[in-house]
Protein backbone atom coordinates (compact mmCIF):
# COMPACT_ATOMS: atom_id res chain seq x y z
CA MET A 1 0.00 0.00 0.00
CA LYS A 2 2.86 2.30 0.83
CA GLU A 3 4.52 1.65 -2.53
CA SER A 4 1.27 2.40 -4.34
CA PHE A 5 0.95 5.72 -2.51
CA ILE A 6 4.53 6.63 -3.41
CA ASP A 7 3.95 5.74 -7.05
CA ARG A 8 0.86 7.93 -7.20
CA THR A 9 2.66 10.77 -5.46
CA MET A 10 5.54 10.58 -7.92
CA MET A 11 3.19 10.52 -10.90
CA TYR A 12 1.08 13.48 -9.79
CA SER A 13 4.12 15.52 -8.74
CA LEU A 14 5.46 15.10 -12.27
CA ILE A 15 2.10 16.04 -13.77
CA PHE A 16 1.85 19.11 -11.50
CA THR A 17 5.34 20.28 -12.50
CA THR A 18 4.49 19.88 -16.18
CA VAL A 19 1.20 21.78 -15.86
CA PHE A 20 2.89 24.59 -13.93
CA SER A 21 5.47 24.95 -16.72
CA TRP A 22 2.70 25.81 -19.18
CA PHE A 23 2.07 29.06 -17.30
CA LEU A 24 5.50 30.22 -18.40
CA PHE A 25 4.59 29.33 -22.01
CA PRO A 26 2.17 29.25 -23.81
CA PHE A 27 0.03 30.66 -20.97
CA LEU A 28 2.29 33.64 -20.34
CA LEU A 29 1.04 34.54 -16.89
CA LYS A 30 4.67 35.29 -16.08
CA PHE A 31 3.99 38.68 -17.70
CA LEU A 32 1.95 39.53 -14.60
CA TYR A 33 4.55 38.51 -12.00
CA PRO A 34 7.71 37.41 -13.86
CA SER A 35 9.98 36.76 -10.88
CA VAL A 36 7.29 34.99 -8.85
CA PHE A 37 6.44 32.51 -11.60
CA LYS A 38 10.05 31.77 -12.57
CA ILE A 39 11.31 31.28 -9.01
CA SER A 40 8.26 29.22 -8.07
CA PHE A 41 8.78 26.91 -11.03
CA LEU A 42 12.47 26.43 -10.26
CA LEU A 43 11.68 25.54 -6.63
CA ILE A 44 8.93 23.11 -7.67
CA LEU A 45 11.19 21.51 -10.29
CA LEU A 46 14.01 21.10 -7.78
CA ALA A 47 11.71 19.56 -5.15
CA VAL A 48 10.17 17.12 -7.64
CA PHE A 49 13.59 16.20 -9.01
CA LEU A 50 14.84 15.34 -5.50
CA MET A 51 11.70 13.30 -4.78
CA HIS A 52 12.09 11.24 -7.93
CA TRP A 53 15.83 10.87 -7.38
CA LYS A 54 15.06 9.13 -4.10
CA TYR A 55 11.96 7.08 -4.93
CA SER A 56 11.60 6.57 -8.70
CA ASN A 57 13.08 4.11 -11.15
CA VAL A 58 14.10 5.61 -14.48
CA ASN A 59 13.19 4.37 -17.94
CA LYS A 60 15.94 2.60 -19.86
CA PHE A 61 16.03 2.89 -23.64
CA GLU A 62 17.87 1.59 -26.65
CA PHE A 63 18.56 4.42 -29.09
CA SER A 64 18.53 3.99 -32.85
CA ARG A 65 21.32 5.43 -35.00
CA GLU A 66 19.09 8.33 -36.10
CA GLN A 67 18.19 9.15 -32.50
CA LYS A 68 21.87 9.14 -31.50
CA ILE A 69 22.56 11.54 -34.37
CA PHE A 70 19.76 13.78 -33.10
CA PHE A 71 21.33 14.06 -29.64
CA PHE A 72 24.77 14.60 -31.18
CA LEU A 73 23.37 17.52 -33.20
CA TRP A 74 21.69 18.94 -30.10
CA ALA A 75 24.96 18.75 -28.16
CA GLY A 76 26.78 20.38 -31.09
CA TYR A 77 24.31 23.26 -31.17
CA LEU A 78 24.60 23.81 -27.41
CA PHE A 79 28.40 23.76 -27.63
CA ALA A 80 28.35 26.34 -30.44
CA LEU A 81 25.91 28.48 -28.44
CA MET A 82 28.18 28.22 -25.39
CA VAL A 83 31.20 29.36 -27.42
CA SER A 84 29.19 32.27 -28.84
CA THR A 85 27.97 33.23 -25.38
CA ILE A 86 31.46 33.14 -23.87
CA TYR A 87 32.71 35.24 -26.77
CA ALA A 88 29.94 37.80 -26.12
CA ASN A 89 30.78 37.79 -22.38
CA ASP A 90 27.44 39.31 -21.43
CA PHE A 91 25.60 38.53 -18.16
CA TYR A 92 22.19 38.32 -19.84
CA ALA A 93 23.63 35.94 -22.46
CA TYR A 94 25.01 33.68 -19.73
CA LYS A 95 21.62 33.66 -18.05
CA GLN A 96 19.83 32.76 -21.28
CA PHE A 97 22.32 30.00 -22.03
CA LEU A 98 21.69 28.47 -18.60
CA SER A 99 17.96 28.74 -19.29
CA ASN A 100 18.44 26.76 -22.51
CA CYS A 101 20.41 24.11 -20.63
CA LEU A 102 17.67 23.89 -17.99
CA LYS A 103 15.10 23.15 -20.69
CA VAL A 104 17.28 20.36 -22.07
CA MET A 105 17.58 18.94 -18.54
CA PHE A 106 13.79 19.15 -18.21
CA PHE A 107 13.42 17.16 -21.44
CA ILE A 108 15.76 14.44 -20.13
CA PHE A 109 14.07 14.46 -16.72
CA ILE A 110 10.62 14.00 -18.26
CA LEU A 111 11.81 11.36 -20.73
CA LEU A 112 13.38 9.22 -18.00
CA LEU A 113 10.26 9.22 -15.80
CA ILE A 114 7.14 9.37 -17.95
CA ASP A 115 4.86 6.58 -19.09
CA LYS A 116 1.75 6.33 -21.25
CA VAL A 117 -0.51 7.21 -18.32
CA TYR A 118 1.41 10.45 -17.80
CA ILE A 119 1.18 11.28 -21.50
CA TYR A 120 -2.56 10.64 -21.61
CA LYS A 121 -3.28 12.63 -18.45
CA THR A 122 -1.13 15.66 -19.29
CA PHE A 123 -2.35 16.00 -22.87
CA THR A 124 -5.95 15.66 -21.68
CA ILE A 125 -5.42 18.34 -19.02
CA TYR A 126 -3.76 20.61 -21.55
CA ALA A 127 -6.52 20.18 -24.13
CA ASN A 128 -9.21 20.98 -21.56
CA LEU A 129 -7.27 24.04 -20.35
CA MET A 130 -7.13 25.32 -23.91
CA VAL A 131 -10.89 24.84 -24.28
CA ILE A 132 -11.41 26.94 -21.15
CA SER A 133 -8.94 29.50 -22.50
CA VAL A 134 -10.86 29.87 -25.76
CA ILE A 135 -14.19 30.24 -23.95
CA ALA A 136 -12.69 32.92 -21.68
CA ALA A 137 -11.08 34.73 -24.63
CA LEU A 138 -14.38 34.67 -26.53
CA ALA A 139 -16.23 36.06 -23.50
CA VAL A 140 -13.68 38.86 -23.17
CA SER A 141 -13.97 39.65 -26.89
CA ILE A 142 -17.74 39.99 -26.59
CA GLY A 143 -17.48 41.94 -23.34
CA VAL A 144 -15.00 44.43 -24.77
CA GLY A 145 -17.04 44.80 -27.96
CA MET A 146 -20.16 45.55 -25.89
CA GLU A 147 -18.12 47.93 -23.70
CA ILE A 148 -19.08 46.15 -20.48
CA LEU A 149 -15.56 45.04 -19.51
CA GLU A 150 -12.68 47.16 -18.30
CA PRO A 151 -9.05 45.99 -18.26
CA ILE A 152 -7.42 45.32 -14.91
CA SER A 153 -3.97 46.18 -16.26
CA THR A 154 -1.98 46.94 -19.41
CA LEU A 155 1.24 45.14 -20.33
CA ARG A 156 3.88 45.44 -23.02
CA ASN A 157 4.52 42.62 -25.46
CA GLU A 158 8.05 41.88 -24.31
CA GLU A 159 8.92 39.71 -27.30
CA ASN A 160 8.48 42.48 -29.85
CA ILE A 161 11.72 44.41 -30.36
CA GLU A 162 10.80 46.51 -33.37
CA ASN A 163 7.53 47.93 -32.05
CA HIS A 164 6.24 48.48 -28.54
CA TYR A 165 2.80 46.93 -28.62
CA LEU A 166 0.59 46.99 -25.56
CA PHE A 167 -2.23 44.65 -24.66
CA ASP A 168 -4.87 44.88 -21.96
CA VAL A 169 -5.26 42.28 -19.23
CA TYR A 170 -8.78 41.09 -18.42
CA TRP A 171 -10.08 38.39 -16.12
CA GLY A 172 -9.81 35.51 -18.56
CA SER A 173 -7.65 36.76 -21.42
CA TYR A 174 -5.20 39.29 -22.80
CA TYR A 175 -6.72 41.51 -25.49
CA ARG A 176 -6.11 44.49 -27.80
CA LEU A 177 -2.74 43.64 -29.32
CA SER A 178 -3.61 43.14 -33.01
CA ALA A 179 -6.66 44.66 -34.64
CA VAL A 180 -8.55 43.23 -37.62
CA TYR A 181 -10.93 44.52 -40.28
CA ALA A 182 -14.41 45.10 -38.88
CA PRO A 183 -17.14 47.77 -38.90
CA PHE A 184 -16.14 48.40 -35.27
CA PRO A 185 -12.94 47.96 -33.24
CA LEU A 186 -12.27 44.21 -33.18
CA PHE A 187 -9.05 42.50 -32.11
CA ARG A 188 -7.49 39.10 -32.64
CA MET A 189 -7.97 36.64 -29.78
CA GLN A 190 -4.74 35.72 -28.03
CA GLY A 191 -5.83 34.05 -24.80
CA PHE A 192 -2.99 34.36 -22.31
CA SER A 193 -0.34 34.06 -25.02
CA GLU A 194 2.04 36.84 -25.96
CA GLU A 195 0.31 37.39 -29.31
CA PRO A 196 -2.50 35.85 -31.40
CA GLY A 197 -0.31 33.73 -33.67
CA THR A 198 1.32 32.02 -30.70
CA PHE A 199 -2.14 31.36 -29.26
CA ALA A 200 -3.24 29.72 -32.51
CA PHE A 201 -0.22 27.42 -32.62
CA ALA A 202 -0.66 26.55 -28.94
CA LEU A 203 -4.19 25.42 -29.75
CA MET A 204 -3.03 22.83 -32.28
CA PRO A 205 -1.89 20.06 -29.86
CA ALA A 206 -5.21 20.46 -28.04
CA ILE A 207 -7.16 20.19 -31.31
CA PHE A 208 -5.29 17.06 -32.39
CA TRP A 209 -5.80 15.46 -28.98
CA MET A 210 -9.50 16.26 -28.73
CA LEU A 211 -10.18 15.33 -32.36
CA ILE A 212 -8.16 12.13 -32.67
CA VAL A 213 -7.78 10.70 -29.17
CA LYS A 214 -10.78 11.97 -27.19
CA LYS A 215 -13.25 12.22 -30.10
CA ALA A 216 -14.72 15.25 -28.31
CA ILE A 217 -16.39 17.04 -31.23
CA VAL A 218 -17.94 19.93 -29.27
CA ARG A 219 -14.68 20.79 -27.53
CA THR A 220 -12.82 20.46 -30.82
CA LEU A 221 -15.23 22.94 -32.43
CA ILE A 222 -14.63 25.37 -29.56
CA LEU A 223 -10.89 25.11 -30.14
CA GLY A 224 -11.53 25.69 -33.85
CA VAL A 225 -13.34 28.93 -32.97
CA GLY A 226 -10.21 29.96 -31.08
CA VAL A 227 -8.05 29.36 -34.15
CA LEU A 228 -10.41 31.39 -36.35
CA GLY A 229 -10.59 34.13 -33.71
CA SER A 230 -6.81 34.44 -33.75
CA TYR A 231 -6.90 35.22 -37.50
CA SER A 232 -3.61 33.35 -37.99
CA ILE A 233 -2.96 32.45 -41.61
CA GLY A 234 0.14 30.52 -40.53
CA ILE A 235 -2.10 27.81 -39.10
CA GLY A 236 -3.43 27.28 -42.62
CA LEU A 237 0.03 26.04 -43.65
CA VAL A 238 -0.02 23.56 -40.76
CA LEU A 239 -3.43 22.23 -41.74
CA LEU A 240 -2.46 22.04 -45.41
CA GLY A 241 0.61 20.02 -44.50
CA ILE A 242 -1.11 17.50 -42.22
CA ILE A 243 -3.99 16.60 -44.54
CA PRO A 244 -1.85 14.15 -46.59
CA LEU A 245 -0.70 12.48 -43.36
CA LEU A 246 -4.26 12.19 -42.08
CA LEU A 247 -5.38 10.73 -45.40
CA LYS A 248 -2.80 7.99 -44.90
CA VAL A 249 -4.51 6.82 -41.69
CA ARG A 250 -8.13 7.93 -42.24
CA SER A 251 -10.67 7.92 -45.08
CA ILE A 252 -11.48 11.18 -46.80
CA ARG A 253 -14.95 11.19 -45.21
CA SER A 254 -13.70 10.77 -41.66
CA THR A 255 -14.48 13.34 -38.97
CA GLU A 256 -10.81 14.28 -38.67
CA ILE A 257 -10.41 15.02 -42.38
CA LEU A 258 -13.69 16.93 -42.57
CA PHE A 259 -12.81 19.08 -39.55
CA VAL A 260 -9.29 19.92 -40.74
CA SER A 261 -10.51 20.61 -44.28
CA GLY A 262 -13.36 22.78 -42.99
CA LEU A 263 -11.06 24.81 -40.74
CA LEU A 264 -8.60 25.27 -43.59
CA SER A 265 -11.40 26.37 -45.92
CA LEU A 266 -12.59 29.01 -43.46
CA LEU A 267 -9.06 30.35 -43.05
CA LEU A 268 -8.66 30.55 -46.81
CA LEU A 269 -11.98 32.36 -47.10
CA MET A 270 -10.97 34.86 -44.42
CA PHE A 271 -7.55 35.69 -45.77
CA ILE A 272 -6.88 34.61 -49.35
CA ILE A 273 -9.93 34.32 -51.57
CA PRO A 274 -10.85 37.75 -52.99
CA ILE A 275 -14.49 38.67 -52.48
CA LYS A 276 -16.26 40.97 -54.95
CA THR A 277 -13.82 43.92 -54.84
CA GLY A 278 -10.64 41.89 -54.54
CA MET A 279 -10.43 42.34 -50.77
CA PRO A 280 -10.20 39.59 -48.16
CA LEU A 281 -13.56 38.54 -46.71
CA PHE A 282 -13.44 40.48 -43.45
CA GLN A 283 -12.16 43.63 -45.11
CA TRP A 284 -15.00 43.43 -47.62
CA ILE A 285 -17.57 42.94 -44.86
CA ALA A 286 -16.11 45.80 -42.85
CA GLN A 287 -16.17 48.37 -45.64
CA LEU A 288 -19.84 47.70 -46.46
CA ASP A 289 -21.04 49.94 -43.65
CA TYR A 290 -18.57 52.27 -42.02
CA PRO A 291 -18.82 55.95 -41.03
CA ARG A 292 -17.97 58.33 -43.86
CA LEU A 293 -16.34 61.72 -43.52
CA ASP A 294 -18.74 64.55 -44.28
CA ALA A 295 -16.93 66.94 -46.61
CA ASN A 296 -18.98 69.91 -45.39
CA SER A 297 -18.68 69.40 -41.66
CA GLY A 298 -15.22 67.85 -41.65
CA GLY A 299 -16.48 65.20 -39.27
CA LEU A 300 -18.44 61.99 -39.27
CA SER A 301 -21.96 62.30 -40.62
CA ALA A 302 -24.81 61.37 -38.29
CA GLY A 303 -27.88 59.48 -39.40
CA SER A 304 -31.46 60.30 -38.47
CA GLY A 305 -31.27 58.07 -35.44
CA GLY A 306 -28.28 59.95 -34.09
CA GLY A 307 -25.82 57.27 -35.13
CA LEU A 308 -23.09 57.46 -37.70
CA SER A 309 -24.31 56.95 -41.23
CA ALA A 310 -22.51 55.22 -44.05
CA GLY A 311 -22.90 58.19 -46.37
CA SER A 312 -22.17 58.05 -50.05
CA GLY A 313 -19.14 57.85 -52.26
CA PRO A 314 -16.81 55.14 -53.54
CA ARG A 315 -16.19 52.19 -51.29
CA ASN A 316 -12.72 50.91 -52.05
CA ALA A 317 -9.82 49.40 -50.17
CA ASP A 318 -7.69 52.56 -50.04
CA GLU A 319 -10.49 54.68 -48.62
CA TYR A 320 -11.43 52.11 -46.01
CA ASN A 321 -7.80 51.47 -45.07
CA ALA A 322 -7.20 55.17 -44.41
CA TYR A 323 -10.26 55.30 -42.19
CA ALA A 324 -9.52 52.03 -40.39
CA TRP A 325 -5.90 52.92 -39.66
CA SER A 326 -6.81 56.36 -38.35
CA SER A 327 -9.48 54.82 -36.12
CA GLY A 328 -7.26 52.04 -34.81
CA PHE A 329 -9.43 49.29 -36.30
CA ILE A 330 -6.43 47.77 -38.05
CA GLU A 331 -2.69 48.28 -37.86
CA ASN A 332 -0.74 49.85 -40.69
CA LYS A 333 2.18 47.45 -40.69
CA THR A 334 4.39 45.53 -43.07
CA PRO A 335 3.05 42.10 -44.15
CA SER A 336 4.41 39.32 -41.95
CA MET A 337 5.95 37.34 -44.82
CA THR A 338 7.94 40.41 -45.87
CA LEU A 339 9.16 40.85 -42.30
CA ARG A 340 10.30 37.23 -42.13
CA TYR A 341 12.11 37.46 -45.46
CA GLU A 342 13.86 40.61 -44.31
CA ALA A 343 14.74 38.90 -41.01
CA ILE A 344 16.49 36.04 -42.84
CA LEU A 345 18.48 38.54 -44.94
CA ILE A 346 19.51 40.43 -41.81
CA VAL A 347 20.65 37.22 -40.12
CA GLY A 348 22.63 36.18 -43.19
CA ASP A 349 24.31 39.58 -43.41
CA TYR A 350 25.22 39.57 -39.71
CA LEU A 351 26.67 36.05 -39.78
CA SER A 352 28.75 36.87 -42.85
CA LYS A 353 30.52 39.47 -40.69
CA HIS A 354 30.27 37.76 -37.28
CA PRO A 355 30.31 33.97 -37.87
CA PHE A 356 30.31 33.15 -34.14
CA GLY A 357 26.91 34.79 -33.62
CA THR A 358 25.68 37.13 -30.93
CA GLY A 359 25.45 34.82 -27.93
CA ALA A 360 22.34 33.40 -26.25
CA GLY A 361 19.41 35.80 -26.05
CA LEU A 362 21.22 38.69 -27.75
CA GLY A 363 20.14 38.12 -31.34
CA MET A 364 17.26 40.53 -31.82
CA THR A 365 18.68 43.28 -29.62
CA THR A 366 22.01 43.14 -31.47
CA VAL A 367 20.51 43.54 -34.96
CA ASP A 368 17.63 45.68 -33.62
CA TYR A 369 15.03 43.68 -35.51
CA ALA A 370 12.24 41.29 -34.53
CA ILE A 371 13.44 37.98 -35.98
CA ALA A 372 10.15 36.12 -36.38
CA VAL A 373 11.79 32.99 -37.79
CA GLY A 374 12.89 30.82 -34.90
CA PHE A 375 15.45 28.82 -36.88
CA ALA A 376 17.08 32.02 -38.16
CA ASN A 377 17.24 33.46 -34.66
CA ALA A 378 18.94 30.29 -33.37
CA ALA A 379 21.57 30.64 -36.08
CA LEU A 380 21.98 34.33 -35.30
CA GLU A 381 22.71 33.59 -31.64
CA SER A 382 24.79 30.40 -32.00
CA GLY A 383 26.70 31.30 -35.17
CA GLY A 384 26.85 29.66 -38.59
CA VAL A 385 28.01 26.26 -37.36
CA GLY A 386 25.52 26.23 -34.49
CA GLY A 387 22.76 27.18 -36.90
CA VAL A 388 23.57 24.22 -39.16
CA PHE A 389 23.48 21.85 -36.17
CA TYR A 390 20.19 23.38 -35.05
CA ILE A 391 18.44 23.14 -38.40
CA LEU A 392 19.61 19.57 -39.04
CA MET A 393 18.48 18.57 -35.54
CA PHE A 394 14.95 19.78 -36.12
CA LEU A 395 14.80 18.38 -39.64
CA LEU A 396 15.53 15.01 -38.06
CA LEU A 397 12.87 15.58 -35.39
CA THR A 398 10.40 16.46 -38.17
CA TRP A 399 11.25 13.17 -39.87
CA PHE A 400 10.63 11.29 -36.59
CA ALA A 401 7.19 12.90 -36.29
CA ILE A 402 6.24 12.15 -39.91
CA GLN A 403 7.35 8.56 -39.54
CA MET A 404 5.37 8.12 -36.32
CA VAL A 405 2.17 9.38 -37.94
CA TRP A 406 2.74 7.50 -41.21
CA LYS A 407 3.27 4.14 -39.51
CA SER A 408 0.33 4.46 -37.11
CA ASP A 409 -3.08 2.82 -37.33
CA ILE A 410 -6.03 4.97 -36.30
CA SER A 411 -7.90 1.91 -35.01
CA SER A 412 -5.35 1.45 -32.22
CA SER A 413 -5.79 3.54 -29.05
CA GLU A 414 -2.04 3.85 -28.59
CA ASP A 415 -1.55 4.84 -32.22
CA LYS A 416 -4.14 7.59 -31.83
CA MET A 417 -1.85 9.08 -29.20
CA ARG A 418 1.09 8.71 -31.56
CA ILE A 419 -0.75 10.48 -34.37
CA ALA A 420 -1.88 13.38 -32.16
CA ILE A 421 1.60 13.87 -30.69
CA GLY A 422 3.33 13.49 -34.05
CA LEU A 423 1.08 16.17 -35.55
CA SER A 424 1.71 18.39 -32.50
CA VAL A 425 5.46 18.18 -33.11
CA LEU A 426 4.95 19.12 -36.76
CA ALA A 427 2.92 22.15 -35.61
CA CYS A 428 5.86 23.13 -33.38
CA MET A 429 8.17 22.93 -36.40
CA MET A 430 5.90 25.26 -38.38
CA MET A 431 5.81 27.53 -35.35
CA GLY A 432 9.61 27.69 -35.58
CA LEU A 433 9.34 28.89 -39.16
CA GLN A 434 6.86 31.64 -38.29
CA ARG A 435 7.37 32.48 -34.64
CA GLN A 436 9.83 31.66 -31.86
CA GLN A 437 12.50 28.98 -31.76
CA PRO A 438 10.95 25.51 -31.47
CA ASP A 439 12.94 24.85 -28.28
CA ILE A 440 12.08 28.09 -26.51
CA SER A 441 10.01 26.62 -23.68
CA PHE A 442 9.40 23.74 -21.29
CA TRP A 443 6.11 23.26 -23.17
CA HIS A 444 8.06 22.28 -26.29
CA MET A 445 10.25 19.90 -24.27
CA TRP A 446 7.15 18.19 -22.86
CA ILE A 447 5.80 17.51 -26.35
CA TYR A 448 9.16 16.29 -27.66
CA ALA A 449 9.67 14.01 -24.65
CA ALA A 450 6.28 12.40 -25.32
CA LEU A 451 7.25 11.79 -28.96
CA PHE A 452 10.59 10.25 -28.03
CA TYR A 453 9.04 8.05 -25.35
CA LEU A 454 6.62 6.60 -27.89
CA THR A 455 9.36 5.94 -30.45
CA LEU A 456 12.24 4.68 -28.29
CA LYS A 457 12.68 0.97 -27.64
CA PRO A 458 12.98 -0.24 -24.03
CA LYS A 459 16.11 -2.05 -23.05
CA ALA A 460 15.79 -5.79 -22.62
CA GLY A 461 14.40 -6.59 -19.19
CA ASP A 462 12.96 -3.10 -18.60
CA SER A 463 9.22 -3.39 -17.92
CA GLN A 464 8.44 0.28 -17.21
CA ILE A 465 7.65 1.31 -20.77
């Protein structure tokens, strides 16, 4: 009985530590009290590590040649980053390098202790938390639109170097970072993530889990609303890429294929397909009825009911854009793909002059540009050689994920987990192409540890796996 109690305690302490790590990323509650969250997590992690050191037995694996190459590449990248950091000789760089090492240790710690029960429980908890997050974000969106909610605080988006964006903090969600086309001020949903695109990518593991493993259609639809509310076109690339993999394990009429195809179609309709005047759907809807400037009064014309009237005159994209930008409905900014292309050029130019890189955490501040391509930023900080190690490492991880999905059978309960986790890893890779580095958080390490656990072979005589 005592052993059973210890086993349960060890399991739930590991689950608690994992869940707490999510509030550093992608639930960035650390924005509210940065020091409190970081110190608390370190203390919890240390306590749980000591508990497991004393009472737990670790998993024992046999690594394939490809998996050994993966860890060699990871070690090579960390060594290059260490050299770059020492060369920079900056206190903040040393701190960021130690943070990277801590995440690697977390990955190893999780991998040595987890089992399938842990994977099932943590992914189920995460998926349900994301459902709650979407519901709260939707409620805040409606409340702000109806002007019945007031923010409790305002914070700066710390990750953005080029521009100083602010977002409001409400009970249930951050809001007011990125505006979208609408006949009234409307903003992209971002939950408690640093920005809407990150929120959309963080929803993907939850969607895959609810859709494939739990078969929870209602909760999956709620998560889909969150993706649409984030207005993230980058998610469309993820969905487009996973459809062929899903077709390998499911028929074209399956619920999974229909949901993914439907979500992709809505994203395409919102952002790509020109409607009537050649404008994206929401821009076209927004410009149908917006206040017009009265040439005589110099102000907005009022209708008979006292409200603002649409007035007359041409309704075109340029006219609406000028109005929307001046009113704060949308942001007048450079398209994201252009920014990412420019970021890659900046990284290439810097490395041609400084091949050792900037050192850990110093990339964007050194070049004074928001590098929104995670792989490019890793190369910028670790140098040319480190960047090659980094990219090859994650190409190999991508191959592991594709293989795991491709070889799975949807009729098997365990293979459903494999498919959901494999697709989650692929979403993280796409996130690295469009957002932060794909090893930036403990959240990433948790997902990667689950993938490795399900692909590694136990050593002969080890019964824990």
